Amino acid sequence: MIPGVPERRSFDYVRHGTIDLFAALNIATGKVISKLSAQHRAVDFRDFLGQIDRQTDPALAVHVICDLCRPGDYADTRCP
Protein backbone atom coordinates (compact mmCIF):
# COMPACT_ATOMS: atom_id res chain seq x y z
CA MET A 1 0.00 0.00 0.00
CA ILE A 2 1.17 3.46 -0.90
CA PRO A 3 0.09 6.42 1.28
CA GLY A 4 -2.65 8.44 -0.43
CA VAL A 5 -3.56 5.64 -2.88
CA PRO A 6 -6.67 3.55 -2.12
CA GLU A 7 -6.19 -0.18 -1.82
CA ARG A 8 -7.41 -2.18 -4.81
CA ARG A 9 -9.00 -5.60 -4.91
CA SER A 10 -6.82 -8.43 -6.01
CA PHE A 11 -7.67 -10.55 -9.06
CA ASP A 12 -8.74 -13.44 -6.83
CA TYR A 13 -11.32 -11.39 -4.85
CA VAL A 14 -14.64 -13.25 -4.64
CA ARG A 15 -17.80 -11.54 -3.47
CA HIS A 16 -20.00 -13.92 -1.50
CA GLY A 17 -23.23 -11.93 -1.82
CA THR A 18 -24.99 -9.39 0.33
CA ILE A 19 -27.88 -9.35 2.76
CA ASP A 20 -30.30 -6.46 3.23
CA LEU A 21 -30.71 -5.42 6.86
CA PHE A 22 -33.83 -3.49 7.79
CA ALA A 23 -33.92 -2.08 11.31
CA ALA A 24 -36.18 0.22 13.28
CA LEU A 25 -35.17 1.78 16.58
CA ASN A 26 -37.49 3.27 19.18
CA ILE A 27 -35.17 5.84 20.74
CA ALA A 28 -37.38 6.26 23.82
CA THR A 29 -37.37 2.59 24.84
CA GLY A 30 -34.36 1.18 22.94
CA LYS A 31 -36.52 -1.50 21.29
CA VAL A 32 -35.21 -2.70 17.91
CA ILE A 33 -37.34 -4.28 15.18
CA SER A 34 -35.24 -5.98 12.51
CA LYS A 35 -35.51 -8.10 9.39
CA LEU A 36 -32.87 -9.72 7.19
CA SER A 37 -33.45 -10.37 3.52
CA ALA A 38 -31.21 -12.38 1.22
CA GLN A 39 -32.81 -10.81 -1.84
CA HIS A 40 -33.06 -7.13 -2.72
CA ARG A 41 -36.79 -6.85 -3.37
CA ALA A 42 -39.34 -4.10 -2.78
CA VAL A 43 -41.76 -6.62 -1.31
CA ASP A 44 -39.30 -7.33 1.53
CA PHE A 45 -39.16 -3.63 2.38
CA ARG A 46 -42.96 -3.41 2.26
CA ASP A 47 -43.22 -6.44 4.58
CA PHE A 48 -40.81 -4.77 7.01
CA LEU A 49 -42.93 -1.61 7.04
CA GLY A 50 -45.94 -3.80 7.84
CA GLN A 51 -43.98 -5.43 10.66
CA ILE A 52 -43.23 -1.99 12.12
CA ASP A 53 -46.90 -1.05 11.79
CA ARG A 54 -48.01 -4.17 13.67
CA GLN A 55 -45.46 -3.80 16.50
CA THR A 56 -45.79 -0.09 17.25
CA ASP A 57 -48.49 1.99 18.89
CA PRO A 58 -50.72 3.61 16.22
CA ALA A 59 -50.47 6.94 18.08
CA LEU A 60 -46.70 7.14 17.48
CA ALA A 61 -45.22 9.01 14.53
CA VAL A 62 -42.80 6.85 12.52
CA HIS A 63 -39.94 8.51 10.62
CA VAL A 64 -38.30 6.44 7.86
CA ILE A 65 -34.68 6.90 6.78
CA CYS A 66 -33.50 4.85 3.79
CA ASP A 67 -29.82 4.55 2.96
CA LEU A 68 -29.02 2.97 -0.42
CA CYS A 69 -32.38 1.21 -0.43
CA ARG A 70 -34.28 3.22 -3.10
CA PRO A 71 -37.77 2.03 -2.11
CA GLY A 72 -39.43 4.87 -4.06
CA ASP A 73 -38.42 3.26 -7.36
CA TYR A 74 -41.21 0.70 -7.06
CA ALA A 75 -44.94 1.37 -7.32
CA ASP A 76 -45.87 -0.78 -4.31
CA THR A 77 -43.60 1.18 -1.92
CA ARG A 78 -44.26 4.75 -3.09
CA CYS A 79 -45.89 7.22 -0.74
CA PRO A 80 -49.45 8.18 -1.75
PDB file of N, CA and C in Angstrom:
ATOM      1  N   MET A   1       0.834  -1.182   0.000  1.00  0.00           N
ATOM      2  CA  MET A   1       0.000   0.000   0.000  1.00  0.00           C
ATOM      3  C   MET A   1       0.875   1.241   0.000  1.00  0.00           C
ATOM      4  N   ILE A   2       0.471   2.193  -0.805  1.00  0.00           N
ATOM      5  CA  ILE A   2       1.173   3.462  -0.896  1.00  0.00           C
ATOM      6  C   ILE A   2       0.302   4.522  -0.225  1.00  0.00           C
ATOM      7  N   PRO A   3       0.884   5.372   0.629  1.00  0.00           N
ATOM      8  CA  PRO A   3       0.087   6.417   1.278  1.00  0.00           C
ATOM      9  C   PRO A   3      -0.606   7.307   0.236  1.00  0.00           C
ATOM     10  N   GLY A   4      -1.886   7.578   0.469  1.00  0.00           N
ATOM     11  CA  GLY A   4      -2.649   8.439  -0.433  1.00  0.00           C
ATOM     12  C   GLY A   4      -3.289   7.714  -1.606  1.00  0.00           C
ATOM     13  N   VAL A   5      -2.985   6.421  -1.779  1.00  0.00           N
ATOM     14  CA  VAL A   5      -3.557   5.640  -2.881  1.00  0.00           C
ATOM     15  C   VAL A   5      -4.481   4.575  -2.272  1.00  0.00           C
ATOM     16  N   PRO A   6      -5.761   4.550  -2.693  1.00  0.00           N
ATOM     17  CA  PRO A   6      -6.669   3.548  -2.115  1.00  0.00           C
ATOM     18  C   PRO A   6      -6.258   2.128  -2.494  1.00  0.00           C
ATOM     19  N   GLU A   7      -6.510   1.219  -1.582  1.00  0.00           N
ATOM     20  CA  GLU A   7      -6.188  -0.181  -1.823  1.00  0.00           C
ATOM     21  C   GLU A   7      -7.130  -0.749  -2.886  1.00  0.00           C
ATOM     22  N   ARG A   8      -6.612  -1.570  -3.746  1.00  0.00           N
ATOM     23  CA  ARG A   8      -7.407  -2.183  -4.811  1.00  0.00           C
ATOM     24  C   ARG A   8      -7.658  -3.648  -4.493  1.00  0.00           C
ATOM     25  N   ARG A   9      -8.708  -4.180  -5.090  1.00  0.00           N
ATOM     26  CA  ARG A   9      -9.005  -5.598  -4.914  1.00  0.00           C
ATOM     27  C   ARG A   9      -8.060  -6.423  -5.770  1.00  0.00           C
ATOM     28  N   SER A  10      -7.690  -7.555  -5.239  1.00  0.00           N
ATOM     29  CA  SER A  10      -6.820  -8.431  -6.009  1.00  0.00           C
ATOM     30  C   SER A  10      -7.644  -9.207  -7.032  1.00  0.00           C
ATOM     31  N   PHE A  11      -6.989  -9.818  -7.985  1.00  0.00           N
ATOM     32  CA  PHE A  11      -7.669 -10.547  -9.055  1.00  0.00           C
ATOM     33  C   PHE A  11      -8.439 -11.760  -8.535  1.00  0.00           C
ATOM     34  N   ASP A  12      -8.066 -12.254  -7.361  1.00  0.00           N
ATOM     35  CA  ASP A  12      -8.738 -13.436  -6.832  1.00  0.00           C
ATOM     36  C   ASP A  12      -9.845 -13.103  -5.828  1.00  0.00           C
ATOM     37  N   TYR A  13     -10.249 -11.814  -5.762  1.00  0.00           N
ATOM     38  CA  TYR A  13     -11.315 -11.395  -4.852  1.00  0.00           C
ATOM     39  C   TYR A  13     -12.643 -12.009  -5.288  1.00  0.00           C
ATOM     40  N   VAL A  14     -13.348 -12.637  -4.352  1.00  0.00           N
ATOM     41  CA  VAL A  14     -14.642 -13.253  -4.638  1.00  0.00           C
ATOM     42  C   VAL A  14     -15.674 -12.644  -3.702  1.00  0.00           C
ATOM     43  N   ARG A  15     -16.729 -12.096  -4.275  1.00  0.00           N
ATOM     44  CA  ARG A  15     -17.795 -11.538  -3.467  1.00  0.00           C
ATOM     45  C   ARG A  15     -18.808 -12.645  -3.179  1.00  0.00           C
ATOM     46  N   HIS A  16     -19.133 -12.826  -1.920  1.00  0.00           N
ATOM     47  CA  HIS A  16     -19.999 -13.924  -1.504  1.00  0.00           C
ATOM     48  C   HIS A  16     -21.455 -13.506  -1.328  1.00  0.00           C
ATOM     49  N   GLY A  17     -21.846 -12.376  -1.903  1.00  0.00           N
ATOM     50  CA  GLY A  17     -23.228 -11.929  -1.823  1.00  0.00           C
ATOM     51  C   GLY A  17     -23.442 -10.917  -0.713  1.00  0.00           C
ATOM     52  N   THR A  18     -24.634 -10.385  -0.679  1.00  0.00           N
ATOM     53  CA  THR A  18     -24.987  -9.393   0.328  1.00  0.00           C
ATOM     54  C   THR A  18     -26.326  -9.770   0.949  1.00  0.00           C
ATOM     55  N   ILE A  19     -26.597  -9.178   2.080  1.00  0.00           N
ATOM     56  CA  ILE A  19     -27.879  -9.353   2.765  1.00  0.00           C
ATOM     57  C   ILE A  19     -28.390  -7.960   3.106  1.00  0.00           C
ATOM     58  N   ASP A  20     -29.683  -7.730   2.846  1.00  0.00           N
ATOM     59  CA  ASP A  20     -30.299  -6.462   3.235  1.00  0.00           C
ATOM     60  C   ASP A  20     -30.694  -6.553   4.706  1.00  0.00           C
ATOM     61  N   LEU A  21     -30.335  -5.525   5.452  1.00  0.00           N
ATOM     62  CA  LEU A  21     -30.713  -5.423   6.860  1.00  0.00           C
ATOM     63  C   LEU A  21     -31.669  -4.257   6.996  1.00  0.00           C
ATOM     64  N   PHE A  22     -32.862  -4.535   7.473  1.00  0.00           N
ATOM     65  CA  PHE A  22     -33.829  -3.494   7.785  1.00  0.00           C
ATOM     66  C   PHE A  22     -33.924  -3.429   9.299  1.00  0.00           C
ATOM     67  N   ALA A  23     -33.851  -2.220   9.856  1.00  0.00           N
ATOM     68  CA  ALA A  23     -33.915  -2.076  11.305  1.00  0.00           C
ATOM     69  C   ALA A  23     -34.676  -0.811  11.672  1.00  0.00           C
ATOM     70  N   ALA A  24     -35.446  -0.916  12.736  1.00  0.00           N
ATOM     71  CA  ALA A  24     -36.180   0.220  13.279  1.00  0.00           C
ATOM     72  C   ALA A  24     -35.826   0.341  14.750  1.00  0.00           C
ATOM     73  N   LEU A  25     -35.567   1.540  15.205  1.00  0.00           N
ATOM     74  CA  LEU A  25     -35.165   1.778  16.584  1.00  0.00           C
ATOM     75  C   LEU A  25     -36.134   2.749  17.232  1.00  0.00           C
ATOM     76  N   ASN A  26     -36.693   2.357  18.367  1.00  0.00           N
ATOM     77  CA  ASN A  26     -37.490   3.265  19.184  1.00  0.00           C
ATOM     78  C   ASN A  26     -36.510   3.920  20.144  1.00  0.00           C
ATOM     79  N   ILE A  27     -36.210   5.186  19.938  1.00  0.00           N
ATOM     80  CA  ILE A  27     -35.167   5.837  20.742  1.00  0.00           C
ATOM     81  C   ILE A  27     -35.600   6.066  22.181  1.00  0.00           C
ATOM     82  N   ALA A  28     -36.911   6.064  22.452  1.00  0.00           N
ATOM     83  CA  ALA A  28     -37.381   6.260  23.819  1.00  0.00           C
ATOM     84  C   ALA A  28     -37.198   5.007  24.665  1.00  0.00           C
ATOM     85  N   THR A  29     -37.434   3.833  24.065  1.00  0.00           N
ATOM     86  CA  THR A  29     -37.365   2.586  24.835  1.00  0.00           C
ATOM     87  C   THR A  29     -36.133   1.743  24.507  1.00  0.00           C
ATOM     88  N   GLY A  30     -35.510   1.982  23.362  1.00  0.00           N
ATOM     89  CA  GLY A  30     -34.359   1.183  22.945  1.00  0.00           C
ATOM     90  C   GLY A  30     -34.751  -0.098  22.225  1.00  0.00           C
ATOM     91  N   LYS A  31     -36.050  -0.288  21.972  1.00  0.00           N
ATOM     92  CA  LYS A  31     -36.523  -1.495  21.286  1.00  0.00           C
ATOM     93  C   LYS A  31     -36.122  -1.455  19.821  1.00  0.00           C
ATOM     94  N   VAL A  32     -35.622  -2.587  19.306  1.00  0.00           N
ATOM     95  CA  VAL A  32     -35.209  -2.703  17.912  1.00  0.00           C
ATOM     96  C   VAL A  32     -36.089  -3.733  17.214  1.00  0.00           C
ATOM     97  N   ILE A  33     -36.609  -3.358  16.051  1.00  0.00           N
ATOM     98  CA  ILE A  33     -37.341  -4.276  15.184  1.00  0.00           C
ATOM     99  C   ILE A  33     -36.445  -4.485  13.978  1.00  0.00           C
ATOM    100  N   SER A  34     -36.170  -5.739  13.615  1.00  0.00           N
ATOM    101  CA  SER A  34     -35.243  -5.975  12.514  1.00  0.00           C
ATOM    102  C   SER A  34     -35.729  -7.084  11.599  1.00  0.00           C
ATOM    103  N   LYS A  35     -35.201  -7.070  10.386  1.00  0.00           N
ATOM    104  CA  LYS A  35     -35.511  -8.103   9.392  1.00  0.00           C
ATOM    105  C   LYS A  35     -34.316  -8.226   8.461  1.00  0.00           C
ATOM    106  N   LEU A  36     -33.924  -9.457   8.161  1.00  0.00           N
ATOM    107  CA  LEU A  36     -32.868  -9.723   7.192  1.00  0.00           C
ATOM    108  C   LEU A  36     -33.490 -10.280   5.925  1.00  0.00           C
ATOM    109  N   SER A  37     -32.941  -9.885   4.790  1.00  0.00           N
ATOM    110  CA  SER A  37     -33.451 -10.370   3.516  1.00  0.00           C
ATOM    111  C   SER A  37     -32.275 -10.730   2.621  1.00  0.00           C
ATOM    112  N   ALA A  38     -32.291 -11.938   2.101  1.00  0.00           N
ATOM    113  CA  ALA A  38     -31.209 -12.384   1.224  1.00  0.00           C
ATOM    114  C   ALA A  38     -31.363 -11.836  -0.190  1.00  0.00           C
ATOM    115  N   GLN A  39     -32.566 -11.386  -0.521  1.00  0.00           N
ATOM    116  CA  GLN A  39     -32.806 -10.814  -1.842  1.00  0.00           C
ATOM    117  C   GLN A  39     -33.114  -9.332  -1.697  1.00  0.00           C
ATOM    118  N   HIS A  40     -32.828  -8.575  -2.726  1.00  0.00           N
ATOM    119  CA  HIS A  40     -33.058  -7.127  -2.723  1.00  0.00           C
ATOM    120  C   HIS A  40     -34.358  -6.868  -3.473  1.00  0.00           C
ATOM    121  N   ARG A  41     -35.492  -7.014  -2.739  1.00  0.00           N
ATOM    122  CA  ARG A  41     -36.790  -6.851  -3.374  1.00  0.00           C
ATOM    123  C   ARG A  41     -37.624  -5.822  -2.627  1.00  0.00           C
ATOM    124  N   ALA A  42     -38.473  -5.102  -3.379  1.00  0.00           N
ATOM    125  CA  ALA A  42     -39.341  -4.098  -2.779  1.00  0.00           C
ATOM    126  C   ALA A  42     -40.348  -4.736  -1.837  1.00  0.00           C
ATOM    127  N   VAL A  43     -40.782  -5.951  -2.149  1.00  0.00           N
ATOM    128  CA  VAL A  43     -41.764  -6.619  -1.307  1.00  0.00           C
ATOM    129  C   VAL A  43     -41.201  -6.888   0.099  1.00  0.00           C
ATOM    130  N   ASP A  44     -39.915  -7.133   0.221  1.00  0.00           N
ATOM    131  CA  ASP A  44     -39.297  -7.334   1.531  1.00  0.00           C
ATOM    132  C   ASP A  44     -39.342  -6.051   2.353  1.00  0.00           C
ATOM    133  N   PHE A  45     -39.094  -4.915   1.689  1.00  0.00           N
ATOM    134  CA  PHE A  45     -39.159  -3.633   2.381  1.00  0.00           C
ATOM    135  C   PHE A  45     -40.594  -3.346   2.811  1.00  0.00           C
ATOM    136  N   ARG A  46     -41.558  -3.624   1.939  1.00  0.00           N
ATOM    137  CA  ARG A  46     -42.963  -3.406   2.264  1.00  0.00           C
ATOM    138  C   ARG A  46     -43.381  -4.296   3.439  1.00  0.00           C
ATOM    139  N   ASP A  47     -42.922  -5.541   3.461  1.00  0.00           N
ATOM    140  CA  ASP A  47     -43.218  -6.435   4.580  1.00  0.00           C
ATOM    141  C   ASP A  47     -42.631  -5.912   5.884  1.00  0.00           C
ATOM    142  N   PHE A  48     -41.436  -5.340   5.814  1.00  0.00           N
ATOM    143  CA  PHE A  48     -40.815  -4.774   7.006  1.00  0.00           C
ATOM    144  C   PHE A  48     -41.620  -3.584   7.522  1.00  0.00           C
ATOM    145  N   LEU A  49     -42.099  -2.740   6.615  1.00  0.00           N
ATOM    146  CA  LEU A  49     -42.933  -1.615   7.043  1.00  0.00           C
ATOM    147  C   LEU A  49     -44.209  -2.114   7.724  1.00  0.00           C
ATOM    148  N   GLY A  50     -44.779  -3.200   7.204  1.00  0.00           N
ATOM    149  CA  GLY A  50     -45.940  -3.804   7.841  1.00  0.00           C
ATOM    150  C   GLY A  50     -45.621  -4.343   9.221  1.00  0.00           C
ATOM    151  N   GLN A  51     -44.438  -4.914   9.368  1.00  0.00           N
ATOM    152  CA  GLN A  51     -43.984  -5.430  10.662  1.00  0.00           C
ATOM    153  C   GLN A  51     -43.870  -4.289  11.664  1.00  0.00           C
ATOM    154  N   ILE A  52     -43.323  -3.159  11.242  1.00  0.00           N
ATOM    155  CA  ILE A  52     -43.233  -1.986  12.118  1.00  0.00           C
ATOM    156  C   ILE A  52     -44.634  -1.535  12.510  1.00  0.00           C
ATOM    157  N   ASP A  53     -45.532  -1.492  11.541  1.00  0.00           N
ATOM    158  CA  ASP A  53     -46.901  -1.050  11.787  1.00  0.00           C
ATOM    159  C   ASP A  53     -47.603  -1.941  12.810  1.00  0.00           C
ATOM    160  N   ARG A  54     -47.380  -3.241  12.738  1.00  0.00           N
ATOM    161  CA  ARG A  54     -48.012  -4.175  13.670  1.00  0.00           C
ATOM    162  C   ARG A  54     -47.424  -4.092  15.083  1.00  0.00           C
ATOM    163  N   GLN A  55     -46.137  -3.745  15.201  1.00  0.00           N
ATOM    164  CA  GLN A  55     -45.460  -3.804  16.496  1.00  0.00           C
ATOM    165  C   GLN A  55     -45.347  -2.463  17.204  1.00  0.00           C
ATOM    166  N   THR A  56     -45.864  -1.399  16.613  1.00  0.00           N
ATOM    167  CA  THR A  56     -45.785  -0.089  17.251  1.00  0.00           C
ATOM    168  C   THR A  56     -47.180   0.438  17.559  1.00  0.00           C
ATOM    169  N   ASP A  57     -47.234   1.345  18.502  1.00  0.00           N
ATOM    170  CA  ASP A  57     -48.488   1.991  18.887  1.00  0.00           C
ATOM    171  C   ASP A  57     -48.957   2.894  17.742  1.00  0.00           C
ATOM    172  N   PRO A  58     -50.229   2.790  17.332  1.00  0.00           N
ATOM    173  CA  PRO A  58     -50.723   3.615  16.222  1.00  0.00           C
ATOM    174  C   PRO A  58     -50.630   5.117  16.481  1.00  0.00           C
ATOM    175  N   ALA A  59     -50.550   5.512  17.756  1.00  0.00           N
ATOM    176  CA  ALA A  59     -50.466   6.938  18.078  1.00  0.00           C
ATOM    177  C   ALA A  59     -49.071   7.519  17.831  1.00  0.00           C
ATOM    178  N   LEU A  60     -48.076   6.671  17.684  1.00  0.00           N
ATOM    179  CA  LEU A  60     -46.705   7.140  17.481  1.00  0.00           C
ATOM    180  C   LEU A  60     -46.468   7.569  16.035  1.00  0.00           C
ATOM    181  N   ALA A  61     -45.659   8.590  15.862  1.00  0.00           N
ATOM    182  CA  ALA A  61     -45.219   9.007  14.526  1.00  0.00           C
ATOM    183  C   ALA A  61     -43.975   8.208  14.164  1.00  0.00           C
ATOM    184  N   VAL A  62     -43.946   7.644  12.971  1.00  0.00           N
ATOM    185  CA  VAL A  62     -42.805   6.853  12.515  1.00  0.00           C
ATOM    186  C   VAL A  62     -42.079   7.639  11.432  1.00  0.00           C
ATOM    187  N   HIS A  63     -40.785   7.819  11.601  1.00  0.00           N
ATOM    188  CA  HIS A  63     -39.940   8.512  10.620  1.00  0.00           C
ATOM    189  C   HIS A  63     -39.057   7.471   9.948  1.00  0.00           C
ATOM    190  N   VAL A  64     -39.045   7.453   8.619  1.00  0.00           N
ATOM    191  CA  VAL A  64     -38.305   6.443   7.864  1.00  0.00           C
ATOM    192  C   VAL A  64     -37.089   7.082   7.210  1.00  0.00           C
ATOM    193  N   ILE A  65     -35.926   6.473   7.413  1.00  0.00           N
ATOM    194  CA  ILE A  65     -34.681   6.904   6.778  1.00  0.00           C
ATOM    195  C   ILE A  65     -34.167   5.726   5.965  1.00  0.00           C
ATOM    196  N   CYS A  66     -33.991   5.924   4.666  1.00  0.00           N
ATOM    197  CA  CYS A  66     -33.504   4.851   3.789  1.00  0.00           C
ATOM    198  C   CYS A  66     -32.130   5.220   3.264  1.00  0.00           C
ATOM    199  N   ASP A  67     -31.181   4.337   3.439  1.00  0.00           N
ATOM    200  CA  ASP A  67     -29.822   4.552   2.960  1.00  0.00           C
ATOM    201  C   ASP A  67     -29.496   3.481   1.929  1.00  0.00           C
ATOM    202  N   LEU A  68     -29.348   3.873   0.684  1.00  0.00           N
ATOM    203  CA  LEU A  68     -29.024   2.974  -0.424  1.00  0.00           C
ATOM    204  C   LEU A  68     -30.084   1.906  -0.652  1.00  0.00           C
ATOM    205  N   CYS A  69     -31.310   2.187  -0.286  1.00  0.00           N
ATOM    206  CA  CYS A  69     -32.376   1.206  -0.434  1.00  0.00           C
ATOM    207  C   CYS A  69     -33.224   1.500  -1.670  1.00  0.00           C
ATOM    208  N   ARG A  70     -33.508   2.756  -1.957  1.00  0.00           N
ATOM    209  CA  ARG A  70     -34.281   3.223  -3.099  1.00  0.00           C
ATOM    210  C   ARG A  70     -35.680   2.601  -3.161  1.00  0.00           C
ATOM    211  N   PRO A  71     -36.441   2.647  -2.078  1.00  0.00           N
ATOM    212  CA  PRO A  71     -37.771   2.035  -2.107  1.00  0.00           C
ATOM    213  C   PRO A  71     -38.747   2.798  -2.986  1.00  0.00           C
ATOM    214  N   GLY A  72     -38.518   4.075  -3.248  1.00  0.00           N
ATOM    215  CA  GLY A  72     -39.432   4.869  -4.058  1.00  0.00           C
ATOM    216  C   GLY A  72     -39.406   4.538  -5.533  1.00  0.00           C
ATOM    217  N   ASP A  73     -38.511   3.650  -5.948  1.00  0.00           N
ATOM    218  CA  ASP A  73     -38.424   3.264  -7.355  1.00  0.00           C
ATOM    219  C   ASP A  73     -39.499   2.263  -7.751  1.00  0.00           C
ATOM    220  N   TYR A  74     -40.237   1.748  -6.782  1.00  0.00           N
ATOM    221  CA  TYR A  74     -41.206   0.700  -7.064  1.00  0.00           C
ATOM    222  C   TYR A  74     -42.599   1.174  -6.684  1.00  0.00           C
ATOM    223  N   ALA A  75     -43.578   0.871  -7.520  1.00  0.00           N
ATOM    224  CA  ALA A  75     -44.940   1.373  -7.324  1.00  0.00           C
ATOM    225  C   ALA A  75     -45.548   0.924  -5.998  1.00  0.00           C
ATOM    226  N   ASP A  76     -45.243  -0.291  -5.534  1.00  0.00           N
ATOM    227  CA  ASP A  76     -45.869  -0.783  -4.309  1.00  0.00           C
ATOM    228  C   ASP A  76     -45.263  -0.222  -3.030  1.00  0.00           C
ATOM    229  N   THR A  77     -44.185   0.577  -3.105  1.00  0.00           N
ATOM    230  CA  THR A  77     -43.599   1.180  -1.919  1.00  0.00           C
ATOM    231  C   THR A  77     -43.593   2.694  -1.998  1.00  0.00           C
ATOM    232  N   ARG A  78     -44.211   3.285  -2.977  1.00  0.00           N
ATOM    233  CA  ARG A  78     -44.264   4.746  -3.089  1.00  0.00           C
ATOM    234  C   ARG A  78     -45.249   5.308  -2.087  1.00  0.00           C
ATOM    235  N   CYS A  79     -44.960   6.530  -1.626  1.00  0.00           N
ATOM    236  CA  CYS A  79     -45.894   7.225  -0.738  1.00  0.00           C
ATOM    237  C   CYS A  79     -47.073   7.729  -1.567  1.00  0.00           C
ATOM    238  N   PRO A  80     -48.277   7.708  -0.989  1.00  0.00           N
ATOM    239  CA  PRO A  80     -49.453   8.183  -1.748  1.00  0.00           C
ATOM    240  C   PRO A  80     -49.403   9.665  -2.023  1.00  0.00           C
TER     241      PRO A  80
END
